N, C-alpha and C. Protein backbone atom coordinates (compact mmCIF):
# COMPACT_ATOMS: atom_id res chain seq x y z
N MET A 1 8.28 -46.55 -52.72
CA MET A 1 8.06 -44.95 -53.49
C MET A 1 7.04 -43.95 -52.46
N MET A 2 5.97 -44.36 -51.87
CA MET A 2 5.29 -44.22 -50.64
C MET A 2 5.77 -43.91 -49.65
N ARG A 3 6.85 -44.58 -49.15
CA ARG A 3 7.62 -44.19 -47.44
C ARG A 3 8.37 -43.04 -48.08
N LYS A 4 9.17 -43.14 -49.13
CA LYS A 4 9.98 -42.50 -49.00
C LYS A 4 9.64 -40.90 -49.47
N ARG A 5 8.07 -40.90 -50.07
CA ARG A 5 7.97 -39.51 -50.16
C ARG A 5 7.15 -39.00 -48.18
N CYS A 6 6.74 -40.47 -48.14
CA CYS A 6 6.80 -39.39 -46.34
C CYS A 6 7.92 -39.49 -46.13
N VAL A 7 8.81 -40.28 -45.01
CA VAL A 7 9.84 -39.50 -45.25
C VAL A 7 10.73 -38.37 -45.86
N THR A 8 10.17 -38.17 -46.36
CA THR A 8 10.63 -36.78 -47.22
C THR A 8 9.99 -35.22 -46.06
N LEU A 9 8.13 -36.27 -46.57
CA LEU A 9 7.55 -35.03 -45.37
C LEU A 9 8.02 -34.46 -44.62
N CYS A 10 8.72 -35.70 -43.59
CA CYS A 10 8.60 -35.75 -42.62
C CYS A 10 9.72 -35.06 -41.90
N VAL A 11 10.92 -35.04 -42.57
CA VAL A 11 11.99 -34.51 -42.50
C VAL A 11 11.81 -32.76 -43.21
N LEU A 12 11.00 -32.34 -43.87
CA LEU A 12 10.89 -31.21 -43.82
C LEU A 12 10.10 -30.45 -42.93
N LEU A 13 8.99 -30.99 -42.31
CA LEU A 13 8.27 -30.25 -41.46
C LEU A 13 8.89 -30.57 -40.33
N PHE A 14 10.10 -31.29 -39.82
CA PHE A 14 10.92 -30.91 -38.95
C PHE A 14 11.71 -29.33 -38.89
N PHE A 15 12.57 -29.79 -40.08
CA PHE A 15 13.57 -28.59 -40.53
C PHE A 15 12.41 -27.09 -39.90
N CYS A 16 11.29 -27.31 -40.91
CA CYS A 16 9.84 -25.96 -40.08
C CYS A 16 10.35 -25.69 -38.96
N PHE A 17 9.50 -26.97 -38.31
CA PHE A 17 9.33 -26.68 -36.69
C PHE A 17 10.69 -26.31 -35.95
N ILE A 18 12.04 -26.99 -36.50
CA ILE A 18 13.03 -26.11 -35.54
C ILE A 18 13.65 -24.94 -35.80
N ALA A 19 12.99 -24.60 -37.70
CA ALA A 19 13.28 -23.08 -37.91
C ALA A 19 12.54 -22.37 -36.47
N HIS A 20 11.70 -22.28 -36.30
CA HIS A 20 10.67 -21.85 -35.45
C HIS A 20 10.79 -21.26 -34.20
N PHE A 21 11.66 -22.70 -33.42
CA PHE A 21 11.85 -23.01 -31.89
C PHE A 21 13.58 -22.20 -32.05
N ALA A 22 13.57 -22.24 -32.89
CA ALA A 22 15.63 -22.05 -33.48
C ALA A 22 15.38 -20.04 -33.16
N ARG A 23 14.49 -19.47 -33.89
CA ARG A 23 13.80 -18.46 -33.90
C ARG A 23 13.48 -17.74 -32.02
N ALA A 24 12.96 -18.56 -31.89
CA ALA A 24 12.42 -17.97 -30.52
C ALA A 24 13.16 -17.16 -29.07
N HIS A 25 14.19 -17.59 -29.15
CA HIS A 25 15.17 -16.85 -28.09
C HIS A 25 15.82 -15.86 -28.68
N THR A 26 15.54 -15.66 -29.85
CA THR A 26 16.34 -14.22 -30.37
C THR A 26 15.48 -12.82 -30.43
N CYS A 27 14.24 -13.02 -29.51
CA CYS A 27 13.91 -11.31 -29.73
C CYS A 27 13.15 -11.51 -28.12
N ARG A 28 13.04 -10.30 -28.08
CA ARG A 28 13.32 -9.67 -26.61
C ARG A 28 11.51 -9.40 -26.42
N ILE A 29 10.90 -9.94 -24.84
CA ILE A 29 9.51 -9.38 -25.01
C ILE A 29 9.35 -7.86 -23.49
N SER A 30 9.03 -7.39 -24.05
CA SER A 30 8.81 -6.07 -23.18
C SER A 30 7.91 -6.25 -22.23
N ILE A 31 8.19 -6.56 -21.01
CA ILE A 31 7.44 -7.03 -19.63
C ILE A 31 7.00 -5.50 -18.81
N ILE A 32 5.81 -4.97 -18.57
CA ILE A 32 5.88 -4.63 -17.04
C ILE A 32 5.88 -4.83 -15.85
N VAL A 33 6.24 -4.95 -15.17
CA VAL A 33 6.19 -5.38 -13.99
C VAL A 33 5.31 -4.93 -12.27
N ASP A 34 4.68 -5.60 -11.97
CA ASP A 34 3.91 -4.88 -10.90
C ASP A 34 4.17 -6.17 -9.47
N THR A 35 5.02 -5.63 -8.58
CA THR A 35 5.09 -6.50 -7.41
C THR A 35 5.25 -6.25 -5.55
N ASP A 36 4.74 -6.67 -5.39
CA ASP A 36 4.55 -6.41 -4.14
C ASP A 36 6.13 -6.68 -3.46
N MET A 37 6.61 -7.04 -3.53
CA MET A 37 8.78 -7.02 -3.23
C MET A 37 8.87 -8.33 -2.46
N ALA A 38 7.66 -9.25 -2.56
CA ALA A 38 7.75 -10.49 -1.38
C ALA A 38 8.87 -11.52 -1.89
N LEU A 39 9.50 -12.31 -1.12
CA LEU A 39 10.47 -12.71 -1.76
C LEU A 39 10.40 -13.42 -2.36
N ASP A 40 9.10 -13.89 -3.14
CA ASP A 40 9.23 -14.92 -4.59
C ASP A 40 9.63 -13.89 -5.51
N ASP A 41 8.66 -12.70 -5.49
CA ASP A 41 9.19 -12.25 -6.19
C ASP A 41 10.74 -11.68 -6.63
N LEU A 42 11.46 -11.47 -5.55
CA LEU A 42 12.66 -10.92 -5.46
C LEU A 42 13.59 -11.76 -6.40
N ARG A 43 13.45 -13.40 -6.29
CA ARG A 43 13.52 -14.80 -7.21
C ARG A 43 13.33 -14.72 -8.70
N ALA A 44 11.83 -13.94 -9.07
CA ALA A 44 11.41 -13.98 -10.03
C ALA A 44 12.05 -13.10 -10.72
N LEU A 45 12.12 -11.61 -9.99
CA LEU A 45 12.82 -10.15 -10.69
C LEU A 45 14.05 -10.55 -10.83
N ALA A 46 15.23 -11.40 -10.41
CA ALA A 46 16.26 -11.60 -10.93
C ALA A 46 16.93 -12.32 -11.72
N MET A 47 15.71 -12.90 -11.86
CA MET A 47 15.51 -13.89 -13.12
C MET A 47 15.41 -13.72 -14.64
N LEU A 48 14.60 -12.41 -14.60
CA LEU A 48 14.41 -11.78 -15.54
C LEU A 48 15.53 -10.91 -15.97
N LEU A 49 15.70 -10.39 -14.48
CA LEU A 49 16.78 -8.61 -15.16
C LEU A 49 18.31 -9.48 -15.30
N ASN A 50 17.82 -10.68 -15.22
CA ASN A 50 19.57 -11.70 -15.81
C ASN A 50 19.57 -12.08 -17.09
N SER A 51 18.05 -11.89 -17.94
CA SER A 51 17.75 -13.17 -19.10
C SER A 51 18.14 -11.49 -20.27
N ASP A 52 18.64 -12.30 -20.89
CA ASP A 52 18.70 -11.55 -22.59
C ASP A 52 17.27 -11.47 -22.84
N MET A 53 16.20 -11.98 -23.26
CA MET A 53 15.15 -12.43 -23.58
C MET A 53 14.31 -11.47 -22.84
N ALA A 54 14.18 -10.68 -22.19
CA ALA A 54 13.47 -9.55 -21.53
C ALA A 54 13.85 -8.14 -21.10
N ASP A 55 12.71 -7.26 -21.55
CA ASP A 55 13.02 -5.78 -21.53
C ASP A 55 11.93 -5.75 -20.67
N ILE A 56 12.64 -4.56 -19.00
CA ILE A 56 11.90 -4.17 -18.83
C ILE A 56 11.87 -3.15 -18.41
N PRO A 57 10.78 -2.02 -19.15
CA PRO A 57 10.85 -0.75 -19.04
C PRO A 57 10.32 0.09 -17.91
N LEU A 58 9.73 -0.61 -16.92
CA LEU A 58 8.68 -0.51 -15.73
C LEU A 58 8.67 -1.38 -14.59
N ILE A 59 8.78 -0.83 -13.11
CA ILE A 59 8.34 -1.52 -12.27
C ILE A 59 7.77 -0.93 -11.76
N VAL A 60 6.74 -1.46 -10.78
CA VAL A 60 5.43 -0.92 -9.78
C VAL A 60 5.96 -1.75 -8.61
N THR A 61 5.86 -0.74 -7.40
CA THR A 61 5.77 -1.84 -6.38
C THR A 61 4.65 -1.54 -5.73
N SER A 62 3.58 -2.56 -5.08
CA SER A 62 2.45 -2.51 -4.44
C SER A 62 2.82 -3.04 -3.07
N ASP A 63 1.66 -2.50 -2.04
CA ASP A 63 1.37 -2.44 -0.44
C ASP A 63 1.16 -4.07 -0.68
N GLY A 64 1.58 -4.78 0.26
CA GLY A 64 1.30 -6.08 0.54
C GLY A 64 2.42 -6.91 1.30
N ALA A 65 3.00 -7.60 0.71
CA ALA A 65 4.61 -8.23 1.75
C ALA A 65 5.57 -7.20 1.84
N ALA A 66 5.51 -5.79 1.63
CA ALA A 66 6.49 -4.77 1.91
C ALA A 66 5.81 -3.99 1.67
N SER A 67 5.88 -2.65 2.23
CA SER A 67 5.22 -1.40 2.23
C SER A 67 6.27 -0.80 1.17
N PRO A 68 5.02 -0.29 -0.22
CA PRO A 68 5.78 0.10 -1.71
C PRO A 68 7.14 0.64 -1.21
N GLN A 69 7.19 2.32 -0.03
CA GLN A 69 8.25 2.45 -0.16
C GLN A 69 9.33 1.57 0.26
N ALA A 70 9.55 1.00 1.33
CA ALA A 70 10.49 -0.23 1.10
C ALA A 70 10.49 -0.91 0.51
N GLY A 71 9.54 -1.41 -0.78
CA GLY A 71 9.44 -2.31 -2.13
C GLY A 71 10.64 -1.05 -3.09
N CYS A 72 10.41 -0.61 -2.97
CA CYS A 72 11.13 0.61 -4.15
C CYS A 72 13.11 0.63 -3.52
N ARG A 73 12.84 1.01 -2.21
CA ARG A 73 14.03 0.37 -2.10
C ARG A 73 14.77 -0.05 -1.84
N ASN A 74 14.38 -1.67 -1.88
CA ASN A 74 14.90 -2.68 -2.77
C ASN A 74 14.93 -3.61 -3.45
N LEU A 75 14.13 -2.94 -4.42
CA LEU A 75 13.87 -3.00 -5.79
C LEU A 75 15.22 -2.05 -6.47
N ARG A 76 15.82 -1.20 -6.00
CA ARG A 76 16.63 -0.12 -6.45
C ARG A 76 18.27 -0.70 -6.51
N MET A 77 18.28 -1.64 -5.00
CA MET A 77 19.03 -2.15 -4.55
C MET A 77 19.33 -3.40 -5.88
N LEU A 78 18.16 -3.84 -5.92
CA LEU A 78 18.35 -4.77 -7.14
C LEU A 78 18.50 -4.95 -8.34
N LEU A 79 18.41 -3.46 -8.97
CA LEU A 79 18.82 -3.47 -10.09
C LEU A 79 19.92 -2.79 -10.47
N LYS A 80 19.99 -2.52 -9.04
CA LYS A 80 21.65 -1.90 -9.60
C LYS A 80 22.43 -2.98 -9.48
N TYR A 81 22.48 -3.95 -8.92
CA TYR A 81 23.38 -4.59 -8.29
C TYR A 81 23.75 -5.62 -9.72
N PHE A 82 22.22 -5.48 -10.75
CA PHE A 82 21.84 -6.42 -12.52
C PHE A 82 22.56 -5.04 -12.82
N LYS A 83 22.44 -4.22 -12.51
CA LYS A 83 23.52 -2.80 -13.63
C LYS A 83 22.27 -2.39 -14.75
N ARG A 84 20.92 -2.61 -13.58
CA ARG A 84 19.86 -2.18 -14.83
C ARG A 84 19.21 -0.51 -13.72
N GLU A 85 20.24 -0.23 -13.68
CA GLU A 85 19.62 1.46 -13.11
C GLU A 85 18.55 2.70 -13.66
N SER A 86 18.79 1.85 -14.99
CA SER A 86 17.86 2.86 -15.99
C SER A 86 16.06 2.50 -15.95
N THR A 87 15.73 0.97 -15.35
CA THR A 87 14.75 0.50 -15.15
C THR A 87 13.59 1.51 -14.72
N LYS A 88 12.74 2.12 -14.94
CA LYS A 88 11.91 3.34 -14.24
C LYS A 88 10.76 2.68 -13.07
N ILE A 89 11.17 3.17 -11.27
CA ILE A 89 10.43 2.47 -11.24
C ILE A 89 9.13 3.26 -10.68
N ALA A 90 7.44 3.05 -10.45
CA ALA A 90 7.14 3.25 -9.94
C ALA A 90 6.02 2.87 -8.34
N SER A 91 6.18 3.54 -7.61
CA SER A 91 5.63 3.33 -5.61
C SER A 91 4.09 3.38 -6.03
N GLY A 92 3.81 2.30 -5.47
CA GLY A 92 2.15 2.44 -5.12
C GLY A 92 1.65 3.16 -4.09
N GLU A 93 0.38 3.22 -3.21
CA GLU A 93 -0.49 3.90 -2.04
C GLU A 93 -0.71 2.31 -1.01
N LEU A 94 -0.71 3.01 0.06
CA LEU A 94 -0.64 2.40 1.17
C LEU A 94 -2.35 1.89 1.44
N LEU A 95 -2.25 0.82 1.61
CA LEU A 95 -4.38 -0.35 1.23
C LEU A 95 -4.41 0.36 2.59
N GLY A 96 -3.55 0.37 3.29
CA GLY A 96 -4.59 0.48 4.90
C GLY A 96 -4.78 -0.30 5.28
N LYS A 97 -4.73 -2.07 4.97
CA LYS A 97 -4.78 -3.10 5.18
C LYS A 97 -3.62 -3.62 6.36
N PRO A 98 -4.24 -4.44 7.21
CA PRO A 98 -3.35 -5.92 8.16
C PRO A 98 -2.08 -6.16 7.59
N VAL A 99 -0.74 -5.50 7.64
CA VAL A 99 0.55 -6.15 7.63
C VAL A 99 0.88 -7.89 7.28
N PRO A 100 0.92 -8.30 6.54
CA PRO A 100 1.12 -9.55 6.77
C PRO A 100 2.47 -10.07 7.64
N PRO A 101 2.18 -11.49 8.54
CA PRO A 101 3.74 -11.44 9.50
C PRO A 101 4.78 -11.34 9.14
N TRP A 102 4.82 -11.50 7.82
CA TRP A 102 6.41 -11.67 7.25
C TRP A 102 6.82 -11.23 6.53
N ARG A 103 6.46 -9.21 6.51
CA ARG A 103 7.09 -7.94 6.24
C ARG A 103 8.32 -8.12 7.07
N SER A 104 8.73 -7.98 7.64
CA SER A 104 9.70 -7.65 8.05
C SER A 104 10.50 -8.39 7.40
N TRP A 105 10.60 -9.48 6.84
CA TRP A 105 11.08 -10.30 6.01
C TRP A 105 11.75 -10.23 4.63
N SER A 106 10.50 -9.41 4.34
CA SER A 106 10.17 -8.93 3.40
C SER A 106 11.07 -7.29 2.60
N GLU A 107 10.84 -6.51 3.98
CA GLU A 107 11.45 -5.60 3.76
C GLU A 107 13.45 -5.26 4.44
N ASN A 108 12.85 -6.13 5.21
CA ASN A 108 14.79 -6.16 5.58
C ASN A 108 15.58 -7.18 4.65
N VAL A 109 15.91 -7.13 3.45
CA VAL A 109 17.02 -8.07 2.32
C VAL A 109 17.71 -8.27 2.89
N ARG A 110 18.62 -9.35 3.06
CA ARG A 110 20.61 -8.70 2.90
C ARG A 110 20.55 -8.75 1.33
N TRP A 111 21.79 -7.64 1.37
CA TRP A 111 21.79 -7.87 -0.12
C TRP A 111 23.50 -7.65 -0.02
N PRO A 112 24.27 -8.15 -1.28
CA PRO A 112 25.49 -8.35 -1.32
C PRO A 112 25.65 -7.22 -2.38
N GLU A 113 26.71 -6.45 -1.49
CA GLU A 113 27.51 -5.02 -2.60
C GLU A 113 27.86 -5.91 -3.76
N ALA A 114 27.04 -4.78 -5.12
CA ALA A 114 27.40 -4.62 -6.19
C ALA A 114 28.73 -4.92 -6.41
N GLN A 115 29.36 -5.76 -7.21
CA GLN A 115 30.38 -5.14 -7.64
C GLN A 115 30.63 -4.67 -8.60
N GLY A 116 31.33 -4.27 -8.86
CA GLY A 116 32.58 -2.46 -9.95
C GLY A 116 33.61 -3.22 -10.35
N GLY A 117 33.42 -2.64 -11.88
CA GLY A 117 34.48 -3.10 -12.85
C GLY A 117 34.46 -4.40 -13.39
N ASP A 118 33.26 -4.77 -13.75
CA ASP A 118 33.39 -6.14 -14.14
C ASP A 118 32.92 -6.24 -15.84
């Protein structure tokens, strides 16, 4: 009798936890992103933009791997590719610090043409 109660309790707890995790993928999370548009940031942004779980109302580009202006230019192309042009973009200020050696790679990213009519 005790074993039957224990099994029943375990089954009920299991279904309680499953219901919680099943709902975890139905809500959207609002995210504001601050990025220096380094290549790893581009990959992370591509994953977020392609996700149905993230709502990104604003992305701020800052000085770092790319200048804020070049970061905005690359970000516009990325948003166009993912058809998310409604996302607002803000550009930070130049910090006047030494430029990292990989800045030319971060600023001169090759982009595929955005496909129309999908």
